[in-house]
Amino acid sequence: MIIIIFPEINLTFMKYLYVCIALCIATNMGFGQGKDRASLDPEVTEVWEPIPPKVNIVNGVPSDAQVLFDGSDFSNWIGINGGDVQWDLVGDAMTVKLGTGGITTRDSFGDFQLHIEWASPEVITGEGQGRGNSGIFLQNRYEVQVLDSYESRTYSNGQASAIYKQAIPLVNACKPPGEWQTYDIIYTAPRFNDNGRKISNAKVTVLHNGVVTLNDFEIWGTTQYKGLPSNEPHGDAPITLQDHSNLVKYRNIWIRRM
């Protein structure tokens, strides 16, 4: 093979030419032929099994979801200290009843996708953490903050859709007080080894009103009001809704195990 070099050809083109020549030589030596050439056939990269199960969406709820609250009753919930739920049930929503304590699901969960809708009171007095405060505790330990953060300022890792005292939302997607809002939460539980040592953090992605506000955030541990996060070993655990002495409402809650 004879290569003719023209002086006016720049160095970049020469490098490109040398690469092309090398590929031609490799092909002529047998690379890309026979068995290796089969990798160019489309069937080689097609995977037909397993077949993903079909999920139908009925009134916005996936067919494989467990409905935790549809407005009819509290059958899937108990008071945080045991006993019946004392919150108010009006229409298709539940409202925190001040001083009765939080509520928690009867069932426990590990990895999941959670959909929940909430609304702060239309008329709010107070500022910061006093404006429509509640919380959604994943596995009864890790709080996604519920708060009127539409125009009210508070510490950034304590506003709506924050992982309380840990993760600052990427954006503020809050609606005005009194309007219904949605959280879609994709959660991976932490893992612990047989000795109780944590080997991977919990991870969470949050969509607030359809907007990604947290993206695969690693939760450091429990979400403490005071002090640092702790990491006691645990397995599946309930979802808990907080009574923070504000008349926050919830509705349309469903969950998918993953």
C-alpha atoms as a PDB file:
ATOM      1  CA  MET A   1       0.000   0.000   0.000  1.00  0.00           C
ATOM      2  CA  ILE A   2       1.352   3.401  -0.995  1.00  0.00           C
ATOM      3  CA  ILE A   3       0.420   6.519   0.957  1.00  0.00           C
ATOM      4  CA  ILE A   4       0.855   9.848  -0.761  1.00  0.00           C
ATOM      5  CA  ILE A   5       1.304  12.815   1.566  1.00  0.00           C
ATOM      6  CA  PHE A   6       0.416  16.239   0.285  1.00  0.00           C
ATOM      7  CA  PRO A   7       2.167  19.092   2.111  1.00  0.00           C
ATOM      8  CA  GLU A   8      -0.924  21.288   2.177  1.00  0.00           C
ATOM      9  CA  ILE A   9      -3.048  18.724   4.070  1.00  0.00           C
ATOM     10  CA  ASN A  10      -3.330  19.732   7.739  1.00  0.00           C
ATOM     11  CA  LEU A  11      -2.368  17.538  10.682  1.00  0.00           C
ATOM     12  CA  THR A  12      -5.963  16.787  11.793  1.00  0.00           C
ATOM     13  CA  PHE A  13      -6.839  15.364   8.405  1.00  0.00           C
ATOM     14  CA  MET A  14      -3.666  13.265   8.426  1.00  0.00           C
ATOM     15  CA  LYS A  15      -4.615  11.710  11.768  1.00  0.00           C
ATOM     16  CA  TYR A  16      -8.068  10.906  10.418  1.00  0.00           C
ATOM     17  CA  LEU A  17      -6.528   9.322   7.325  1.00  0.00           C
ATOM     18  CA  TYR A  18      -4.225   7.140   9.382  1.00  0.00           C
ATOM     19  CA  VAL A  19      -7.200   5.872  11.479  1.00  0.00           C
ATOM     20  CA  CYS A  20      -9.145   4.976   8.337  1.00  0.00           C
ATOM     21  CA  ILE A  21      -6.161   3.071   6.935  1.00  0.00           C
ATOM     22  CA  ALA A  22      -5.758   1.169  10.227  1.00  0.00           C
ATOM     23  CA  LEU A  23      -9.401   0.128  10.203  1.00  0.00           C
ATOM     24  CA  CYS A  24      -9.099  -1.086   6.617  1.00  0.00           C
ATOM     25  CA  ILE A  25      -6.056  -3.175   7.473  1.00  0.00           C
ATOM     26  CA  ALA A  26      -7.816  -4.674  10.528  1.00  0.00           C
ATOM     27  CA  THR A  27     -10.842  -5.614   8.435  1.00  0.00           C
ATOM     28  CA  ASN A  28      -8.702  -7.291   5.774  1.00  0.00           C
ATOM     29  CA  MET A  29      -6.944  -9.283   8.494  1.00  0.00           C
ATOM     30  CA  GLY A  30     -10.241 -10.910   9.473  1.00  0.00           C
ATOM     31  CA  PHE A  31     -11.673  -8.708  12.224  1.00  0.00           C
ATOM     32  CA  GLY A  32     -15.390  -8.121  11.790  1.00  0.00           C
ATOM     33  CA  GLN A  33     -15.819 -11.374   9.835  1.00  0.00           C
ATOM     34  CA  GLY A  34     -17.371 -14.706  10.779  1.00  0.00           C
ATOM     35  CA  LYS A  35     -18.790 -14.928  14.292  1.00  0.00           C
ATOM     36  CA  ASP A  36     -17.928 -11.307  15.181  1.00  0.00           C
ATOM     37  CA  ARG A  37     -19.835 -10.057  12.153  1.00  0.00           C
ATOM     38  CA  ALA A  38     -23.020 -11.583  13.647  1.00  0.00           C
ATOM     39  CA  SER A  39     -22.984  -8.747  16.178  1.00  0.00           C
ATOM     40  CA  LEU A  40     -24.075  -6.479  13.317  1.00  0.00           C
ATOM     41  CA  ASP A  41     -27.338  -8.409  12.892  1.00  0.00           C
ATOM     42  CA  PRO A  42     -30.286  -6.703  14.685  1.00  0.00           C
ATOM     43  CA  GLU A  43     -31.567  -9.971  16.196  1.00  0.00           C
ATOM     44  CA  VAL A  44     -28.398 -10.326  18.271  1.00  0.00           C
ATOM     45  CA  THR A  45     -29.362  -7.387  20.501  1.00  0.00           C
ATOM     46  CA  GLU A  46     -33.082  -8.170  20.788  1.00  0.00           C
ATOM     47  CA  VAL A  47     -34.280  -9.506  24.161  1.00  0.00           C
ATOM     48  CA  TRP A  48     -37.763 -11.088  24.209  1.00  0.00           C
ATOM     49  CA  GLU A  49     -37.918 -12.487  27.727  1.00  0.00           C
ATOM     50  CA  PRO A  50     -39.042 -11.624  30.325  1.00  0.00           C
ATOM     51  CA  ILE A  51     -42.146  -9.773  29.167  1.00  0.00           C
ATOM     52  CA  PRO A  52     -42.953  -6.764  31.397  1.00  0.00           C
ATOM     53  CA  PRO A  53     -46.346  -7.190  33.095  1.00  0.00           C
ATOM     54  CA  LYS A  54     -49.133  -4.989  31.770  1.00  0.00           C
ATOM     55  CA  VAL A  55     -50.287  -2.131  33.994  1.00  0.00           C
ATOM     56  CA  ASN A  56     -53.546  -0.358  33.223  1.00  0.00           C
ATOM     57  CA  ILE A  57     -54.308   3.134  34.477  1.00  0.00           C
ATOM     58  CA  VAL A  58     -57.838   3.564  35.834  1.00  0.00           C
ATOM     59  CA  ASN A  59     -58.814   7.057  37.004  1.00  0.00           C
ATOM     60  CA  GLY A  60     -55.136   7.918  37.337  1.00  0.00           C
ATOM     61  CA  VAL A  61     -54.275   4.891  39.487  1.00  0.00           C
ATOM     62  CA  PRO A  62     -52.081   2.026  38.185  1.00  0.00           C
ATOM     63  CA  SER A  63     -53.744  -1.375  38.329  1.00  0.00           C
ATOM     64  CA  ASP A  64     -50.864  -2.824  40.381  1.00  0.00           C
ATOM     65  CA  ALA A  65     -51.053  -0.075  43.014  1.00  0.00           C
ATOM     66  CA  GLN A  66     -52.340  -0.503  46.551  1.00  0.00           C
ATOM     67  CA  VAL A  67     -54.816   2.269  47.311  1.00  0.00           C
ATOM     68  CA  LEU A  68     -54.070   3.614  50.777  1.00  0.00           C
ATOM     69  CA  PHE A  69     -56.790   6.268  50.815  1.00  0.00           C
ATOM     70  CA  ASP A  70     -59.597   6.954  48.362  1.00  0.00           C
ATOM     71  CA  GLY A  71     -61.717   9.193  50.580  1.00  0.00           C
ATOM     72  CA  SER A  72     -64.064   6.497  51.821  1.00  0.00           C
ATOM     73  CA  ASP A  73     -62.545   5.468  55.166  1.00  0.00           C
ATOM     74  CA  PHE A  74     -59.394   4.991  57.261  1.00  0.00           C
ATOM     75  CA  SER A  75     -59.303   1.208  56.935  1.00  0.00           C
ATOM     76  CA  ASN A  76     -55.639   1.223  55.829  1.00  0.00           C
ATOM     77  CA  TRP A  77     -54.525   3.513  58.661  1.00  0.00           C
ATOM     78  CA  ILE A  78     -54.166   3.550  62.430  1.00  0.00           C
ATOM     79  CA  GLY A  79     -53.261   6.261  64.916  1.00  0.00           C
ATOM     80  CA  ILE A  80     -49.535   6.634  65.409  1.00  0.00           C
ATOM     81  CA  ASN A  81     -49.887   5.401  68.981  1.00  0.00           C
ATOM     82  CA  GLY A  82     -52.327   2.634  68.046  1.00  0.00           C
ATOM     83  CA  GLY A  83     -56.083   2.762  67.976  1.00  0.00           C
ATOM     84  CA  ASP A  84     -58.450   4.378  65.525  1.00  0.00           C
ATOM     85  CA  VAL A  85     -57.609   7.423  63.415  1.00  0.00           C
ATOM     86  CA  GLN A  86     -59.059  10.617  64.887  1.00  0.00           C
ATOM     87  CA  TRP A  87     -58.551  12.858  61.851  1.00  0.00           C
ATOM     88  CA  ASP A  88     -61.569  14.362  60.106  1.00  0.00           C
ATOM     89  CA  LEU A  89     -62.988  12.816  56.946  1.00  0.00           C
ATOM     90  CA  VAL A  90     -64.814  15.261  54.672  1.00  0.00           C
ATOM     91  CA  GLY A  91     -65.699  14.470  51.066  1.00  0.00           C
ATOM     92  CA  ASP A  92     -62.787  12.657  49.443  1.00  0.00           C
ATOM     93  CA  ALA A  93     -60.145  14.106  51.793  1.00  0.00           C
ATOM     94  CA  MET A  94     -58.785  13.628  55.296  1.00  0.00           C
ATOM     95  CA  THR A  95     -57.765  16.587  57.436  1.00  0.00           C
ATOM     96  CA  VAL A  96     -55.384  16.654  60.390  1.00  0.00           C
ATOM     97  CA  LYS A  97     -57.296  16.933  63.657  1.00  0.00           C
ATOM     98  CA  LEU A  98     -55.121  19.029  65.885  1.00  0.00           C
ATOM     99  CA  GLY A  99     -53.663  17.316  68.894  1.00  0.00           C
ATOM    100  CA  THR A 100     -54.686  13.777  67.933  1.00  0.00           C
ATOM    101  CA  GLY A 101     -51.266  12.807  66.611  1.00  0.00           C
ATOM    102  CA  GLY A 102     -50.085  11.474  63.298  1.00  0.00           C
ATOM    103  CA  ILE A 103     -51.410   8.460  61.452  1.00  0.00           C
ATOM    104  CA  THR A 104     -49.580   5.521  59.972  1.00  0.00           C
ATOM    105  CA  THR A 105     -50.332   2.777  57.441  1.00  0.00           C
ATOM    106  CA  ARG A 106     -51.220  -0.664  58.701  1.00  0.00           C
ATOM    107  CA  ASP A 107     -48.889  -2.192  56.115  1.00  0.00           C
ATOM    108  CA  SER A 108     -45.133  -1.812  55.855  1.00  0.00           C
ATOM    109  CA  PHE A 109     -43.132  -1.078  52.718  1.00  0.00           C
ATOM    110  CA  GLY A 110     -39.589  -1.272  51.351  1.00  0.00           C
ATOM    111  CA  ASP A 111     -38.884   0.117  47.875  1.00  0.00           C
ATOM    112  CA  PHE A 112     -41.885   1.884  46.396  1.00  0.00           C
ATOM    113  CA  GLN A 113     -43.513   4.528  44.240  1.00  0.00           C
ATOM    114  CA  LEU A 114     -45.871   6.704  46.293  1.00  0.00           C
ATOM    115  CA  HIS A 115     -48.492   9.138  45.010  1.00  0.00           C
ATOM    116  CA  ILE A 116     -50.089  11.538  47.474  1.00  0.00           C
ATOM    117  CA  GLU A 117     -52.035  14.775  47.175  1.00  0.00           C
ATOM    118  CA  TRP A 118     -52.107  17.464  49.848  1.00  0.00           C
ATOM    119  CA  ALA A 119     -53.316  20.993  50.478  1.00  0.00           C
ATOM    120  CA  SER A 120     -52.348  23.535  53.093  1.00  0.00           C
ATOM    121  CA  PRO A 121     -55.154  25.622  54.639  1.00  0.00           C
ATOM    122  CA  GLU A 122     -56.482  28.354  52.371  1.00  0.00           C
ATOM    123  CA  VAL A 123     -56.178  30.875  55.194  1.00  0.00           C
ATOM    124  CA  ILE A 124     -52.913  30.610  57.093  1.00  0.00           C
ATOM    125  CA  THR A 125     -51.561  32.604  59.983  1.00  0.00           C
ATOM    126  CA  GLY A 126     -47.907  32.580  60.894  1.00  0.00           C
ATOM    127  CA  GLU A 127     -44.722  32.394  58.887  1.00  0.00           C
ATOM    128  CA  GLY A 128     -42.047  29.914  57.916  1.00  0.00           C
ATOM    129  CA  GLN A 129     -42.524  26.503  59.552  1.00  0.00           C
ATOM    130  CA  GLY A 130     -45.911  27.587  60.906  1.00  0.00           C
ATOM    131  CA  ARG A 131     -47.593  27.711  57.500  1.00  0.00           C
ATOM    132  CA  GLY A 132     -49.435  24.504  56.691  1.00  0.00           C
ATOM    133  CA  ASN A 133     -46.807  22.250  58.211  1.00  0.00           C
ATOM    134  CA  SER A 134     -47.050  18.468  58.007  1.00  0.00           C
ATOM    135  CA  GLY A 135     -44.823  15.721  56.725  1.00  0.00           C
ATOM    136  CA  ILE A 136     -44.752  12.376  54.941  1.00  0.00           C
ATOM    137  CA  PHE A 137     -42.410   9.981  56.714  1.00  0.00           C
ATOM    138  CA  LEU A 138     -41.040   7.274  54.438  1.00  0.00           C
ATOM    139  CA  GLN A 139     -40.561   4.056  56.401  1.00  0.00           C
ATOM    140  CA  ASN A 140     -41.627   6.062  59.449  1.00  0.00           C
ATOM    141  CA  ARG A 141     -38.181   7.742  59.564  1.00  0.00           C
ATOM    142  CA  TYR A 142     -37.377   9.932  56.574  1.00  0.00           C
ATOM    143  CA  GLU A 143     -39.532  13.041  56.174  1.00  0.00           C
ATOM    144  CA  VAL A 144     -40.585  14.652  52.927  1.00  0.00           C
ATOM    145  CA  GLN A 145     -41.683  18.071  54.115  1.00  0.00           C
ATOM    146  CA  VAL A 146     -45.218  19.360  53.550  1.00  0.00           C
ATOM    147  CA  LEU A 147     -45.445  23.137  53.918  1.00  0.00           C
ATOM    148  CA  ASP A 148     -46.815  26.281  52.322  1.00  0.00           C
ATOM    149  CA  SER A 149     -43.670  27.465  50.553  1.00  0.00           C
ATOM    150  CA  TYR A 150     -45.436  29.369  47.781  1.00  0.00           C
ATOM    151  CA  GLU A 151     -44.143  32.778  48.882  1.00  0.00           C
ATOM    152  CA  SER A 152     -43.234  32.175  52.525  1.00  0.00           C
ATOM    153  CA  ARG A 153     -39.525  31.938  53.344  1.00  0.00           C
ATOM    154  CA  THR A 154     -38.018  29.340  55.648  1.00  0.00           C
ATOM    155  CA  TYR A 155     -34.728  27.442  55.761  1.00  0.00           C
ATOM    156  CA  SER A 156     -34.224  25.898  52.339  1.00  0.00           C
ATOM    157  CA  ASN A 157     -33.829  22.324  53.588  1.00  0.00           C
ATOM    158  CA  GLY A 158     -37.141  22.679  55.411  1.00  0.00           C
ATOM    159  CA  GLN A 159     -39.399  23.940  52.633  1.00  0.00           C
ATOM    160  CA  ALA A 160     -41.978  21.913  50.694  1.00  0.00           C
ATOM    161  CA  SER A 161     -40.600  18.708  49.083  1.00  0.00           C
ATOM    162  CA  ALA A 162     -37.322  18.908  51.019  1.00  0.00           C
ATOM    163  CA  ILE A 163     -35.965  15.882  52.790  1.00  0.00           C
ATOM    164  CA  TYR A 164     -36.221  17.596  56.134  1.00  0.00           C
ATOM    165  CA  LYS A 165     -32.942  19.173  57.271  1.00  0.00           C
ATOM    166  CA  GLN A 166     -31.054  17.324  54.504  1.00  0.00           C
ATOM    167  CA  ALA A 167     -32.022  17.898  50.857  1.00  0.00           C
ATOM    168  CA  ILE A 168     -32.832  21.314  49.361  1.00  0.00           C
ATOM    169  CA  PRO A 169     -35.348  21.086  46.484  1.00  0.00           C
ATOM    170  CA  LEU A 170     -33.927  21.869  43.062  1.00  0.00           C
ATOM    171  CA  VAL A 171     -36.786  24.335  42.482  1.00  0.00           C
ATOM    172  CA  ASN A 172     -39.813  25.683  44.348  1.00  0.00           C
ATOM    173  CA  ALA A 173     -42.856  24.123  42.635  1.00  0.00           C
ATOM    174  CA  CYS A 174     -45.379  25.121  45.307  1.00  0.00           C
ATOM    175  CA  LYS A 175     -48.904  26.264  44.476  1.00  0.00           C
ATOM    176  CA  PRO A 176     -50.743  28.953  46.491  1.00  0.00           C
ATOM    177  CA  PRO A 177     -52.257  28.045  49.881  1.00  0.00           C
ATOM    178  CA  GLY A 178     -55.459  26.031  49.669  1.00  0.00           C
ATOM    179  CA  GLU A 179     -54.751  24.515  46.243  1.00  0.00           C
ATOM    180  CA  TRP A 180     -54.270  20.776  45.857  1.00  0.00           C
ATOM    181  CA  GLN A 181     -50.712  19.665  45.200  1.00  0.00           C
ATOM    182  CA  THR A 182     -49.149  16.331  44.286  1.00  0.00           C
ATOM    183  CA  TYR A 183     -46.069  14.453  45.350  1.00  0.00           C
ATOM    184  CA  ASP A 184     -44.853  11.475  43.347  1.00  0.00           C
ATOM    185  CA  ILE A 185     -42.079   9.836  45.315  1.00  0.00           C
ATOM    186  CA  ILE A 186     -39.774   7.065  44.067  1.00  0.00           C
ATOM    187  CA  TYR A 187     -37.978   5.553  47.024  1.00  0.00           C
ATOM    188  CA  THR A 188     -35.278   2.923  47.490  1.00  0.00           C
ATOM    189  CA  ALA A 189     -34.842   1.740  51.063  1.00  0.00           C
ATOM    190  CA  PRO A 190     -31.432   1.613  52.751  1.00  0.00           C
ATOM    191  CA  ARG A 191     -29.664  -1.719  52.988  1.00  0.00           C
ATOM    192  CA  PHE A 192     -28.067  -3.184  56.106  1.00  0.00           C
ATOM    193  CA  ASN A 193     -25.844  -6.234  56.396  1.00  0.00           C
ATOM    194  CA  ASP A 194     -26.334  -9.080  58.871  1.00  0.00           C
ATOM    195  CA  ASN A 195     -24.335  -7.171  61.473  1.00  0.00           C
ATOM    196  CA  GLY A 196     -26.685  -4.192  61.258  1.00  0.00           C
ATOM    197  CA  ARG A 197     -24.223  -1.980  59.433  1.00  0.00           C
ATOM    198  CA  LYS A 198     -25.656   0.201  56.680  1.00  0.00           C
ATOM    199  CA  ILE A 199     -24.139  -0.712  53.322  1.00  0.00           C
ATOM    200  CA  SER A 200     -26.178   1.666  51.135  1.00  0.00           C
ATOM    201  CA  ASN A 201     -28.194   4.802  51.792  1.00  0.00           C
ATOM    202  CA  ALA A 202     -31.861   5.227  51.047  1.00  0.00           C
ATOM    203  CA  LYS A 203     -32.458   7.122  47.804  1.00  0.00           C
ATOM    204  CA  VAL A 204     -35.392   9.282  46.817  1.00  0.00           C
ATOM    205  CA  THR A 205     -36.674  11.143  43.780  1.00  0.00           C
ATOM    206  CA  VAL A 206     -39.554  13.584  44.280  1.00  0.00           C
ATOM    207  CA  LEU A 207     -41.830  15.152  41.674  1.00  0.00           C
ATOM    208  CA  HIS A 208     -43.757  18.075  43.125  1.00  0.00           C
ATOM    209  CA  ASN A 209     -46.732  18.988  40.929  1.00  0.00           C
ATOM    210  CA  GLY A 210     -45.049  17.076  38.109  1.00  0.00           C
ATOM    211  CA  VAL A 211     -41.717  18.877  38.493  1.00  0.00           C
ATOM    212  CA  VAL A 212     -38.570  17.041  39.635  1.00  0.00           C
ATOM    213  CA  THR A 213     -37.507  18.699  42.875  1.00  0.00           C
ATOM    214  CA  LEU A 214     -35.210  15.942  44.159  1.00  0.00           C
ATOM    215  CA  ASN A 215     -33.317  13.596  41.851  1.00  0.00           C
ATOM    216  CA  ASP A 216     -31.957  10.354  43.299  1.00  0.00           C
ATOM    217  CA  PHE A 217     -30.928  12.029  46.551  1.00  0.00           C
ATOM    218  CA  GLU A 218     -29.141   9.809  49.068  1.00  0.00           C
ATOM    219  CA  ILE A 219     -30.759  10.159  52.489  1.00  0.00           C
ATOM    220  CA  TRP A 220     -28.124  10.351  55.209  1.00  0.00           C
ATOM    221  CA  GLY A 221     -30.309   8.853  57.930  1.00  0.00           C
ATOM    222  CA  THR A 222     -33.276   9.835  60.065  1.00  0.00           C
ATOM    223  CA  THR A 223     -34.557  13.389  59.578  1.00  0.00           C
ATOM    224  CA  GLN A 224     -34.033  14.988  62.963  1.00  0.00           C
ATOM    225  CA  TYR A 225     -35.372  18.351  64.168  1.00  0.00           C
ATOM    226  CA  LYS A 226     -32.367  18.492  66.496  1.00  0.00           C
ATOM    227  CA  GLY A 227     -29.126  16.615  66.159  1.00  0.00           C
ATOM    228  CA  LEU A 228     -27.580  14.511  63.440  1.00  0.00           C
ATOM    229  CA  PRO A 229     -29.182  11.674  61.456  1.00  0.00           C
ATOM    230  CA  SER A 230     -29.083   8.202  62.964  1.00  0.00           C
ATOM    231  CA  ASN A 231     -28.925   4.908  61.076  1.00  0.00           C
ATOM    232  CA  GLU A 232     -30.359   2.125  63.196  1.00  0.00           C
ATOM    233  CA  PRO A 233     -30.959  -1.010  61.080  1.00  0.00           C
ATOM    234  CA  HIS A 234     -34.534  -1.659  60.004  1.00  0.00           C
ATOM    235  CA  GLY A 235     -36.619  -3.511  57.470  1.00  0.00           C
ATOM    236  CA  ASP A 236     -39.909  -2.603  55.810  1.00  0.00           C
ATOM    237  CA  ALA A 237     -41.857   0.035  57.711  1.00  0.00           C
ATOM    238  CA  PRO A 238     -45.071   2.088  57.395  1.00  0.00           C
ATOM    239  CA  ILE A 239     -45.798   5.443  55.781  1.00  0.00           C
ATOM    240  CA  THR A 240     -46.629   8.064  58.406  1.00  0.00           C
ATOM    241  CA  LEU A 241     -48.452  11.384  58.031  1.00  0.00           C
ATOM    242  CA  GLN A 242     -47.605  14.039  60.606  1.00  0.00           C
ATOM    243  CA  ASP A 243     -49.865  16.082  62.858  1.00  0.00           C
ATOM    244  CA  HIS A 244     -47.922  19.342  63.177  1.00  0.00           C
ATOM    245  CA  SER A 245     -50.881  21.319  64.556  1.00  0.00           C
ATOM    246  CA  ASN A 246     -51.850  22.664  61.121  1.00  0.00           C
ATOM    247  CA  LEU A 247     -55.061  21.818  59.216  1.00  0.00           C
ATOM    248  CA  VAL A 248     -53.386  20.108  56.273  1.00  0.00           C
ATOM    249  CA  LYS A 249     -55.534  17.901  54.024  1.00  0.00           C
ATOM    250  CA  TYR A 250     -54.630  14.711  52.150  1.00  0.00           C
ATOM    251  CA  ARG A 251     -56.371  12.695  49.440  1.00  0.00           C
ATOM    252  CA  ASN A 252     -55.823  10.142  46.641  1.00  0.00           C
ATOM    253  CA  ILE A 253     -52.966   8.151  48.171  1.00  0.00           C
ATOM    254  CA  TRP A 254     -51.649   5.040  46.448  1.00  0.00           C
ATOM    255  CA  ILE A 255     -48.431   3.071  46.479  1.00  0.00           C
ATOM    256  CA  ARG A 256     -46.653   0.567  44.230  1.00  0.00           C
ATOM    257  CA  ARG A 257     -44.130  -1.866  45.655  1.00  0.00           C
ATOM    258  CA  MET A 258     -40.973  -2.154  43.575  1.00  0.00           C
END
